[in-house]
Amino acid sequence: MQHTPQPTLIFTRERARALDKAAAEDLGIPSILLMEHAAFALADAALRLIREKNLTRIGIVCGPGNNGGDGLALARHLALHNIDPLIALASVPGQYKGDAATNLHIVEQMGLRILDPIVSMAPQAALEILHRDGRDHAYDRDPKDVLLIDALLGTGLDRPVKPPMDQAIRWMNALRARGATTLAADIPSGLDADTGLPIGEHVVRADITVTFAGMKQGFLEPQSRDYTGNVIVAGIGLPHEFMKKFALDWRYT
């Protein structure tokens, strides 16, 4: 059977929200199932980076919303591949709700390492904790073997990042400046999904962005690549023709 290439869909912030809502209301797909598909896509990209760049220390920065839930679900999948990630919470556990709270509870029950919360720490102090894997106590090593996953803030962000979340972004960018590799979940935290520009002064600079369902409108702007790096579009288990009804546009790439 011949495979017909599907066009890449393009979503604004509001159309992405409408797609998620319709998936539950029209198709009956629970949001946590969409989160699981997102985590599978993130795991695929993360494992490929780990192999290609020989990355041995993995940190996942998780906000309290659905983007953070994607990161927490990713941690489960990495653990199944015998990878021991450090989960850095950007809020106190009580602020995690819904699907994110469900995944937080699961990783807690699995006994995965959780740093709580990261926003109170200076970049160097947090890096030293990332080094504490039971095998390495040389805290002065550079972070070229570190993979950071940005699962802090998603496409719903429409205002500048304020304290204490801005500290987590500064922490990630400081480690990347020293050689760490950064993978963003759906969108780099602090980037406007519609314009491709920073919403405020704090935005993650990623090497790779795994974006879900389709491209975000702002990613079509060349300046966005300074923050997204290479963009991978990943499906989240929804029929293409169904998603197409909510897309702003589509194109063959």
C-alpha atoms as a PDB file:
ATOM      1  CA  MET A   1       0.000   0.000   0.000  1.00  0.00           C
ATOM      2  CA  GLN A   2       1.396   3.382  -0.991  1.00  0.00           C
ATOM      3  CA  HIS A   3       1.665   5.964   1.794  1.00  0.00           C
ATOM      4  CA  THR A   4       0.347   9.425   0.974  1.00  0.00           C
ATOM      5  CA  PRO A   5       2.310  12.185   2.770  1.00  0.00           C
ATOM      6  CA  GLN A   6       0.173  14.271   5.091  1.00  0.00           C
ATOM      7  CA  PRO A   7       0.567  18.063   5.159  1.00  0.00           C
ATOM      8  CA  THR A   8       1.979  19.681   8.265  1.00  0.00           C
ATOM      9  CA  LEU A   9      -0.777  21.451  10.175  1.00  0.00           C
ATOM     10  CA  ILE A  10      -0.322  24.943  11.633  1.00  0.00           C
ATOM     11  CA  PHE A  11      -2.020  26.042  14.859  1.00  0.00           C
ATOM     12  CA  THR A  12      -2.441  29.290  16.714  1.00  0.00           C
ATOM     13  CA  ARG A  13      -2.617  29.281  20.507  1.00  0.00           C
ATOM     14  CA  GLU A  14      -6.417  29.375  20.496  1.00  0.00           C
ATOM     15  CA  ARG A  15      -6.794  26.723  17.794  1.00  0.00           C
ATOM     16  CA  ALA A  16      -4.508  24.367  19.711  1.00  0.00           C
ATOM     17  CA  ARG A  17      -6.715  24.840  22.779  1.00  0.00           C
ATOM     18  CA  ALA A  18      -9.829  24.205  20.701  1.00  0.00           C
ATOM     19  CA  LEU A  19      -8.307  20.988  19.324  1.00  0.00           C
ATOM     20  CA  ASP A  20      -7.588  19.634  22.807  1.00  0.00           C
ATOM     21  CA  LYS A  21     -11.118  20.474  23.957  1.00  0.00           C
ATOM     22  CA  ALA A  22     -12.725  18.892  20.910  1.00  0.00           C
ATOM     23  CA  ALA A  23     -10.644  15.730  21.292  1.00  0.00           C
ATOM     24  CA  ALA A  24     -12.343  15.154  24.639  1.00  0.00           C
ATOM     25  CA  GLU A  25     -15.841  16.390  23.755  1.00  0.00           C
ATOM     26  CA  ASP A  26     -16.189  15.078  20.199  1.00  0.00           C
ATOM     27  CA  LEU A  27     -13.965  11.998  20.166  1.00  0.00           C
ATOM     28  CA  GLY A  28     -14.119  11.071  23.826  1.00  0.00           C
ATOM     29  CA  ILE A  29     -10.329  10.953  24.137  1.00  0.00           C
ATOM     30  CA  PRO A  30      -9.245  11.806  27.696  1.00  0.00           C
ATOM     31  CA  SER A  31      -6.633  14.528  27.967  1.00  0.00           C
ATOM     32  CA  ILE A  32      -4.278  12.226  29.868  1.00  0.00           C
ATOM     33  CA  LEU A  33      -4.157   9.963  26.808  1.00  0.00           C
ATOM     34  CA  LEU A  34      -3.029  12.910  24.678  1.00  0.00           C
ATOM     35  CA  MET A  35      -0.394  13.605  27.343  1.00  0.00           C
ATOM     36  CA  GLU A  36       0.802  10.003  27.079  1.00  0.00           C
ATOM     37  CA  HIS A  37       1.237  10.311  23.313  1.00  0.00           C
ATOM     38  CA  ALA A  38       3.184  13.546  23.838  1.00  0.00           C
ATOM     39  CA  ALA A  39       5.426  11.745  26.328  1.00  0.00           C
ATOM     40  CA  PHE A  40       6.103   8.942  23.837  1.00  0.00           C
ATOM     41  CA  ALA A  41       7.224  11.529  21.261  1.00  0.00           C
ATOM     42  CA  LEU A  42       9.434  13.304  23.785  1.00  0.00           C
ATOM     43  CA  ALA A  43      10.967  10.010  24.864  1.00  0.00           C
ATOM     44  CA  ASP A  44      11.792   9.113  21.273  1.00  0.00           C
ATOM     45  CA  ALA A  45      13.618  12.424  20.754  1.00  0.00           C
ATOM     46  CA  ALA A  46      15.336  12.301  24.147  1.00  0.00           C
ATOM     47  CA  LEU A  47      16.595   8.745  23.685  1.00  0.00           C
ATOM     48  CA  ARG A  48      17.962   9.631  20.267  1.00  0.00           C
ATOM     49  CA  LEU A  49      19.847  12.621  21.722  1.00  0.00           C
ATOM     50  CA  ILE A  50      21.138  10.514  24.614  1.00  0.00           C
ATOM     51  CA  ARG A  51      22.562   7.936  22.209  1.00  0.00           C
ATOM     52  CA  GLU A  52      23.958  10.387  19.648  1.00  0.00           C
ATOM     53  CA  LYS A  53      25.618  12.750  22.139  1.00  0.00           C
ATOM     54  CA  ASN A  54      26.403  10.256  24.909  1.00  0.00           C
ATOM     55  CA  LEU A  55      24.388  12.237  27.454  1.00  0.00           C
ATOM     56  CA  THR A  56      24.457  10.674  30.909  1.00  0.00           C
ATOM     57  CA  ARG A  57      22.723  13.184  33.213  1.00  0.00           C
ATOM     58  CA  ILE A  58      19.089  13.977  32.469  1.00  0.00           C
ATOM     59  CA  GLY A  59      17.097  16.797  34.070  1.00  0.00           C
ATOM     60  CA  ILE A  60      13.402  17.436  33.395  1.00  0.00           C
ATOM     61  CA  VAL A  61      12.055  20.837  34.482  1.00  0.00           C
ATOM     62  CA  CYS A  62       8.308  20.510  35.076  1.00  0.00           C
ATOM     63  CA  GLY A  63       5.803  23.308  35.585  1.00  0.00           C
ATOM     64  CA  PRO A  64       2.425  22.689  37.279  1.00  0.00           C
ATOM     65  CA  GLY A  65       0.332  22.645  34.082  1.00  0.00           C
ATOM     66  CA  ASN A  66      -0.108  20.225  31.193  1.00  0.00           C
ATOM     67  CA  ASN A  67       3.347  20.995  29.823  1.00  0.00           C
ATOM     68  CA  GLY A  68       4.791  19.870  33.145  1.00  0.00           C
ATOM     69  CA  GLY A  69       2.573  16.799  32.993  1.00  0.00           C
ATOM     70  CA  ASP A  70       4.170  15.928  29.642  1.00  0.00           C
ATOM     71  CA  GLY A  71       7.578  16.117  31.328  1.00  0.00           C
ATOM     72  CA  LEU A  72       6.492  13.968  34.271  1.00  0.00           C
ATOM     73  CA  ALA A  73       5.083  11.349  31.917  1.00  0.00           C
ATOM     74  CA  LEU A  74       8.358  11.479  29.973  1.00  0.00           C
ATOM     75  CA  ALA A  75      10.247  10.701  33.192  1.00  0.00           C
ATOM     76  CA  ARG A  76       8.262   7.455  33.512  1.00  0.00           C
ATOM     77  CA  HIS A  77       9.178   6.387  29.981  1.00  0.00           C
ATOM     78  CA  LEU A  78      12.867   7.169  30.465  1.00  0.00           C
ATOM     79  CA  ALA A  79      12.871   5.134  33.669  1.00  0.00           C
ATOM     80  CA  LEU A  80      11.539   2.163  31.684  1.00  0.00           C
ATOM     81  CA  HIS A  81      14.685   2.464  29.549  1.00  0.00           C
ATOM     82  CA  ASN A  82      16.881   2.282  32.668  1.00  0.00           C
ATOM     83  CA  ILE A  83      17.538   6.023  32.606  1.00  0.00           C
ATOM     84  CA  ASP A  84      17.376   7.794  35.962  1.00  0.00           C
ATOM     85  CA  PRO A  85      16.188  11.369  35.327  1.00  0.00           C
ATOM     86  CA  LEU A  86      16.203  14.139  37.907  1.00  0.00           C
ATOM     87  CA  ILE A  87      12.749  15.747  37.984  1.00  0.00           C
ATOM     88  CA  ALA A  88      12.952  19.431  38.884  1.00  0.00           C
ATOM     89  CA  LEU A  89       9.595  20.789  40.037  1.00  0.00           C
ATOM     90  CA  ALA A  90       9.029  24.471  39.348  1.00  0.00           C
ATOM     91  CA  SER A  91       6.187  24.742  41.876  1.00  0.00           C
ATOM     92  CA  VAL A  92       5.329  23.082  45.167  1.00  0.00           C
ATOM     93  CA  PRO A  93       3.611  19.702  44.657  1.00  0.00           C
ATOM     94  CA  GLY A  94       0.236  20.998  45.874  1.00  0.00           C
ATOM     95  CA  GLN A  95      -0.002  23.312  42.847  1.00  0.00           C
ATOM     96  CA  TYR A  96       0.011  20.397  40.389  1.00  0.00           C
ATOM     97  CA  LYS A  97      -3.542  19.626  39.281  1.00  0.00           C
ATOM     98  CA  GLY A  98      -5.363  17.270  36.945  1.00  0.00           C
ATOM     99  CA  ASP A  99      -3.263  15.142  34.608  1.00  0.00           C
ATOM    100  CA  ALA A 100      -0.029  16.719  35.837  1.00  0.00           C
ATOM    101  CA  ALA A 101      -0.898  15.754  39.417  1.00  0.00           C
ATOM    102  CA  THR A 102      -1.679  12.207  38.299  1.00  0.00           C
ATOM    103  CA  ASN A 103       1.714  11.830  36.665  1.00  0.00           C
ATOM    104  CA  LEU A 104       3.460  13.443  39.626  1.00  0.00           C
ATOM    105  CA  HIS A 105       1.851  10.904  41.926  1.00  0.00           C
ATOM    106  CA  ILE A 106       2.988   8.050  39.669  1.00  0.00           C
ATOM    107  CA  VAL A 107       6.639   9.175  39.537  1.00  0.00           C
ATOM    108  CA  GLU A 108       6.582   9.638  43.307  1.00  0.00           C
ATOM    109  CA  GLN A 109       5.317   6.074  43.721  1.00  0.00           C
ATOM    110  CA  MET A 110       8.000   4.850  41.305  1.00  0.00           C
ATOM    111  CA  GLY A 111      10.645   6.405  43.533  1.00  0.00           C
ATOM    112  CA  LEU A 112      12.111   8.660  40.829  1.00  0.00           C
ATOM    113  CA  ARG A 113      14.381  11.496  41.965  1.00  0.00           C
ATOM    114  CA  ILE A 114      12.516  14.764  42.507  1.00  0.00           C
ATOM    115  CA  LEU A 115      14.085  18.152  43.246  1.00  0.00           C
ATOM    116  CA  ASP A 116      11.478  20.287  45.018  1.00  0.00           C
ATOM    117  CA  PRO A 117      11.283  23.073  43.944  1.00  0.00           C
ATOM    118  CA  ILE A 118      13.975  24.217  41.555  1.00  0.00           C
ATOM    119  CA  VAL A 119      13.101  27.910  41.556  1.00  0.00           C
ATOM    120  CA  SER A 120      14.775  28.523  44.897  1.00  0.00           C
ATOM    121  CA  MET A 121      18.182  27.384  43.632  1.00  0.00           C
ATOM    122  CA  ALA A 122      21.024  29.144  41.884  1.00  0.00           C
ATOM    123  CA  PRO A 123      22.142  27.503  38.604  1.00  0.00           C
ATOM    124  CA  GLN A 124      25.362  26.155  40.071  1.00  0.00           C
ATOM    125  CA  ALA A 125      23.646  24.681  43.138  1.00  0.00           C
ATOM    126  CA  ALA A 126      21.043  22.960  40.968  1.00  0.00           C
ATOM    127  CA  LEU A 127      23.753  21.644  38.646  1.00  0.00           C
ATOM    128  CA  GLU A 128      25.537  20.104  41.596  1.00  0.00           C
ATOM    129  CA  ILE A 129      22.351  18.284  42.595  1.00  0.00           C
ATOM    130  CA  LEU A 130      21.973  17.075  39.012  1.00  0.00           C
ATOM    131  CA  HIS A 131      25.454  15.568  39.353  1.00  0.00           C
ATOM    132  CA  ARG A 132      24.494  13.558  42.431  1.00  0.00           C
ATOM    133  CA  ASP A 133      23.691  10.270  40.760  1.00  0.00           C
ATOM    134  CA  GLY A 134      25.481   8.004  43.222  1.00  0.00           C
ATOM    135  CA  ARG A 135      28.426   7.592  40.890  1.00  0.00           C
ATOM    136  CA  ASP A 136      29.908  11.033  40.394  1.00  0.00           C
ATOM    137  CA  HIS A 137      30.896  13.544  43.044  1.00  0.00           C
ATOM    138  CA  ALA A 138      32.987  15.780  40.770  1.00  0.00           C
ATOM    139  CA  TYR A 139      30.638  18.750  40.914  1.00  0.00           C
ATOM    140  CA  ASP A 140      33.031  20.966  38.982  1.00  0.00           C
ATOM    141  CA  ARG A 141      32.578  18.987  35.763  1.00  0.00           C
ATOM    142  CA  ASP A 142      31.149  20.881  32.829  1.00  0.00           C
ATOM    143  CA  PRO A 143      27.594  19.945  31.783  1.00  0.00           C
ATOM    144  CA  LYS A 144      28.320  18.743  28.242  1.00  0.00           C
ATOM    145  CA  ASP A 145      26.831  15.349  29.138  1.00  0.00           C
ATOM    146  CA  VAL A 146      23.607  16.924  30.502  1.00  0.00           C
ATOM    147  CA  LEU A 147      20.251  16.794  28.721  1.00  0.00           C
ATOM    148  CA  LEU A 148      17.670  19.282  29.996  1.00  0.00           C
ATOM    149  CA  ILE A 149      14.014  18.903  29.051  1.00  0.00           C
ATOM    150  CA  ASP A 150      12.022  22.138  29.223  1.00  0.00           C
ATOM    151  CA  ALA A 151       8.499  21.162  30.312  1.00  0.00           C
ATOM    152  CA  LEU A 152       7.899  24.351  32.231  1.00  0.00           C
ATOM    153  CA  LEU A 153       5.295  26.426  30.328  1.00  0.00           C
ATOM    154  CA  GLY A 154       3.313  25.584  27.206  1.00  0.00           C
ATOM    155  CA  THR A 155       1.580  27.286  24.294  1.00  0.00           C
ATOM    156  CA  GLY A 156      -1.093  28.793  26.551  1.00  0.00           C
ATOM    157  CA  LEU A 157       1.338  31.381  27.917  1.00  0.00           C
ATOM    158  CA  ASP A 158       0.179  34.872  26.901  1.00  0.00           C
ATOM    159  CA  ARG A 159       2.041  37.143  29.352  1.00  0.00           C
ATOM    160  CA  PRO A 160       5.646  37.619  30.458  1.00  0.00           C
ATOM    161  CA  VAL A 161       7.114  34.997  32.751  1.00  0.00           C
ATOM    162  CA  LYS A 162       7.317  36.347  36.295  1.00  0.00           C
ATOM    163  CA  PRO A 163       9.084  35.220  39.464  1.00  0.00           C
ATOM    164  CA  PRO A 164       9.626  32.541  40.499  1.00  0.00           C
ATOM    165  CA  MET A 165       9.261  30.808  37.097  1.00  0.00           C
ATOM    166  CA  ASP A 166      11.802  33.145  35.519  1.00  0.00           C
ATOM    167  CA  GLN A 167      14.459  31.654  37.804  1.00  0.00           C
ATOM    168  CA  ALA A 168      13.890  28.210  36.312  1.00  0.00           C
ATOM    169  CA  ILE A 169      14.365  29.641  32.805  1.00  0.00           C
ATOM    170  CA  ARG A 170      17.568  31.385  33.843  1.00  0.00           C
ATOM    171  CA  TRP A 171      18.772  28.095  35.349  1.00  0.00           C
ATOM    172  CA  MET A 172      18.160  26.173  32.118  1.00  0.00           C
ATOM    173  CA  ASN A 173      19.755  28.816  29.913  1.00  0.00           C
ATOM    174  CA  ALA A 174      22.781  29.063  32.225  1.00  0.00           C
ATOM    175  CA  LEU A 175      23.391  25.315  31.923  1.00  0.00           C
ATOM    176  CA  ARG A 176      22.928  25.395  28.151  1.00  0.00           C
ATOM    177  CA  ALA A 177      25.423  28.262  27.892  1.00  0.00           C
ATOM    178  CA  ARG A 178      27.934  25.985  29.612  1.00  0.00           C
ATOM    179  CA  GLY A 179      27.329  23.118  27.184  1.00  0.00           C
ATOM    180  CA  ALA A 180      24.142  21.294  28.182  1.00  0.00           C
ATOM    181  CA  THR A 181      21.691  20.199  25.466  1.00  0.00           C
ATOM    182  CA  THR A 182      18.110  21.465  25.815  1.00  0.00           C
ATOM    183  CA  LEU A 183      14.973  19.801  24.452  1.00  0.00           C
ATOM    184  CA  ALA A 184      11.706  21.779  24.660  1.00  0.00           C
ATOM    185  CA  ALA A 185       8.308  20.110  25.039  1.00  0.00           C
ATOM    186  CA  ASP A 186       5.854  21.642  22.530  1.00  0.00           C
ATOM    187  CA  ILE A 187       7.338  25.168  22.749  1.00  0.00           C
ATOM    188  CA  PRO A 188      10.277  26.820  24.513  1.00  0.00           C
ATOM    189  CA  SER A 189       8.973  28.308  27.756  1.00  0.00           C
ATOM    190  CA  GLY A 190       8.412  32.049  27.405  1.00  0.00           C
ATOM    191  CA  LEU A 191       7.980  32.035  23.603  1.00  0.00           C
ATOM    192  CA  ASP A 192       4.762  33.368  22.057  1.00  0.00           C
ATOM    193  CA  ALA A 193       3.130  30.570  20.038  1.00  0.00           C
ATOM    194  CA  ASP A 194       1.523  33.059  17.639  1.00  0.00           C
ATOM    195  CA  THR A 195       4.394  35.461  16.924  1.00  0.00           C
ATOM    196  CA  GLY A 196       7.496  33.346  17.493  1.00  0.00           C
ATOM    197  CA  LEU A 197       8.908  36.129  19.688  1.00  0.00           C
ATOM    198  CA  PRO A 198       9.633  36.169  23.418  1.00  0.00           C
ATOM    199  CA  ILE A 199       6.648  37.374  25.415  1.00  0.00           C
ATOM    200  CA  GLY A 200       8.985  38.982  27.947  1.00  0.00           C
ATOM    201  CA  GLU A 201      12.677  38.938  28.689  1.00  0.00           C
ATOM    202  CA  HIS A 202      12.742  35.332  29.942  1.00  0.00           C
ATOM    203  CA  VAL A 203      12.576  32.572  27.327  1.00  0.00           C
ATOM    204  CA  VAL A 204      14.254  29.184  27.052  1.00  0.00           C
ATOM    205  CA  ARG A 205      16.734  28.675  24.242  1.00  0.00           C
ATOM    206  CA  ALA A 206      16.376  25.087  23.035  1.00  0.00           C
ATOM    207  CA  ASP A 207      18.443  22.968  20.690  1.00  0.00           C
ATOM    208  CA  ILE A 208      15.421  20.889  19.651  1.00  0.00           C
ATOM    209  CA  THR A 209      11.687  21.443  20.107  1.00  0.00           C
ATOM    210  CA  VAL A 210       9.236  18.549  19.867  1.00  0.00           C
ATOM    211  CA  THR A 211       5.938  20.259  19.089  1.00  0.00           C
ATOM    212  CA  PHE A 212       2.638  18.389  19.253  1.00  0.00           C
ATOM    213  CA  ALA A 213      -0.086  17.931  16.625  1.00  0.00           C
ATOM    214  CA  GLY A 214       1.357  20.544  14.264  1.00  0.00           C
ATOM    215  CA  MET A 215       3.599  23.564  13.895  1.00  0.00           C
ATOM    216  CA  LYS A 216       2.745  26.605  15.946  1.00  0.00           C
ATOM    217  CA  GLN A 217       2.110  29.708  13.860  1.00  0.00           C
ATOM    218  CA  GLY A 218       5.036  31.568  15.398  1.00  0.00           C
ATOM    219  CA  PHE A 219       7.471  28.822  14.380  1.00  0.00           C
ATOM    220  CA  LEU A 220       7.069  29.934  10.767  1.00  0.00           C
ATOM    221  CA  GLU A 221       8.881  33.176  11.624  1.00  0.00           C
ATOM    222  CA  PRO A 222      12.653  32.812  11.063  1.00  0.00           C
ATOM    223  CA  GLN A 223      13.546  34.576  14.325  1.00  0.00           C
ATOM    224  CA  SER A 224      11.805  31.843  16.322  1.00  0.00           C
ATOM    225  CA  ARG A 225      14.602  29.395  15.472  1.00  0.00           C
ATOM    226  CA  ASP A 226      16.898  31.284  17.842  1.00  0.00           C
ATOM    227  CA  TYR A 227      14.741  29.760  20.599  1.00  0.00           C
ATOM    228  CA  THR A 228      13.246  26.561  19.153  1.00  0.00           C
ATOM    229  CA  GLY A 229      16.318  25.146  17.462  1.00  0.00           C
ATOM    230  CA  ASN A 230      15.317  22.303  15.148  1.00  0.00           C
ATOM    231  CA  VAL A 231      11.580  21.586  15.286  1.00  0.00           C
ATOM    232  CA  ILE A 232      10.106  18.069  15.221  1.00  0.00           C
ATOM    233  CA  VAL A 233       6.335  17.758  14.701  1.00  0.00           C
ATOM    234  CA  ALA A 234       4.885  14.801  16.616  1.00  0.00           C
ATOM    235  CA  GLY A 235       1.399  13.311  16.531  1.00  0.00           C
ATOM    236  CA  ILE A 236      -0.632  12.914  19.725  1.00  0.00           C
ATOM    237  CA  GLY A 237      -2.968  10.122  18.622  1.00  0.00           C
ATOM    238  CA  LEU A 238      -5.614  12.229  16.859  1.00  0.00           C
ATOM    239  CA  PRO A 239      -6.882  11.566  13.316  1.00  0.00           C
ATOM    240  CA  HIS A 240      -5.305  13.930  10.817  1.00  0.00           C
ATOM    241  CA  GLU A 241      -8.588  14.885   9.162  1.00  0.00           C
ATOM    242  CA  PHE A 242     -10.059  15.719  12.564  1.00  0.00           C
ATOM    243  CA  MET A 243      -7.094  17.951  13.463  1.00  0.00           C
ATOM    244  CA  LYS A 244      -7.263  19.624  10.087  1.00  0.00           C
ATOM    245  CA  LYS A 245     -10.633  21.188  10.996  1.00  0.00           C
ATOM    246  CA  PHE A 246      -8.927  23.206  13.731  1.00  0.00           C
ATOM    247  CA  ALA A 247      -5.729  24.172  11.929  1.00  0.00           C
ATOM    248  CA  LEU A 248      -5.117  27.716  10.761  1.00  0.00           C
ATOM    249  CA  ASP A 249      -3.425  26.405   7.647  1.00  0.00           C
ATOM    250  CA  TRP A 250      -1.412  23.448   6.398  1.00  0.00           C
ATOM    251  CA  ARG A 251       1.462  22.908   4.034  1.00  0.00           C
ATOM    252  CA  TYR A 252       3.577  20.117   2.620  1.00  0.00           C
ATOM    253  CA  THR A 253       7.167  20.140   3.887  1.00  0.00           C
END
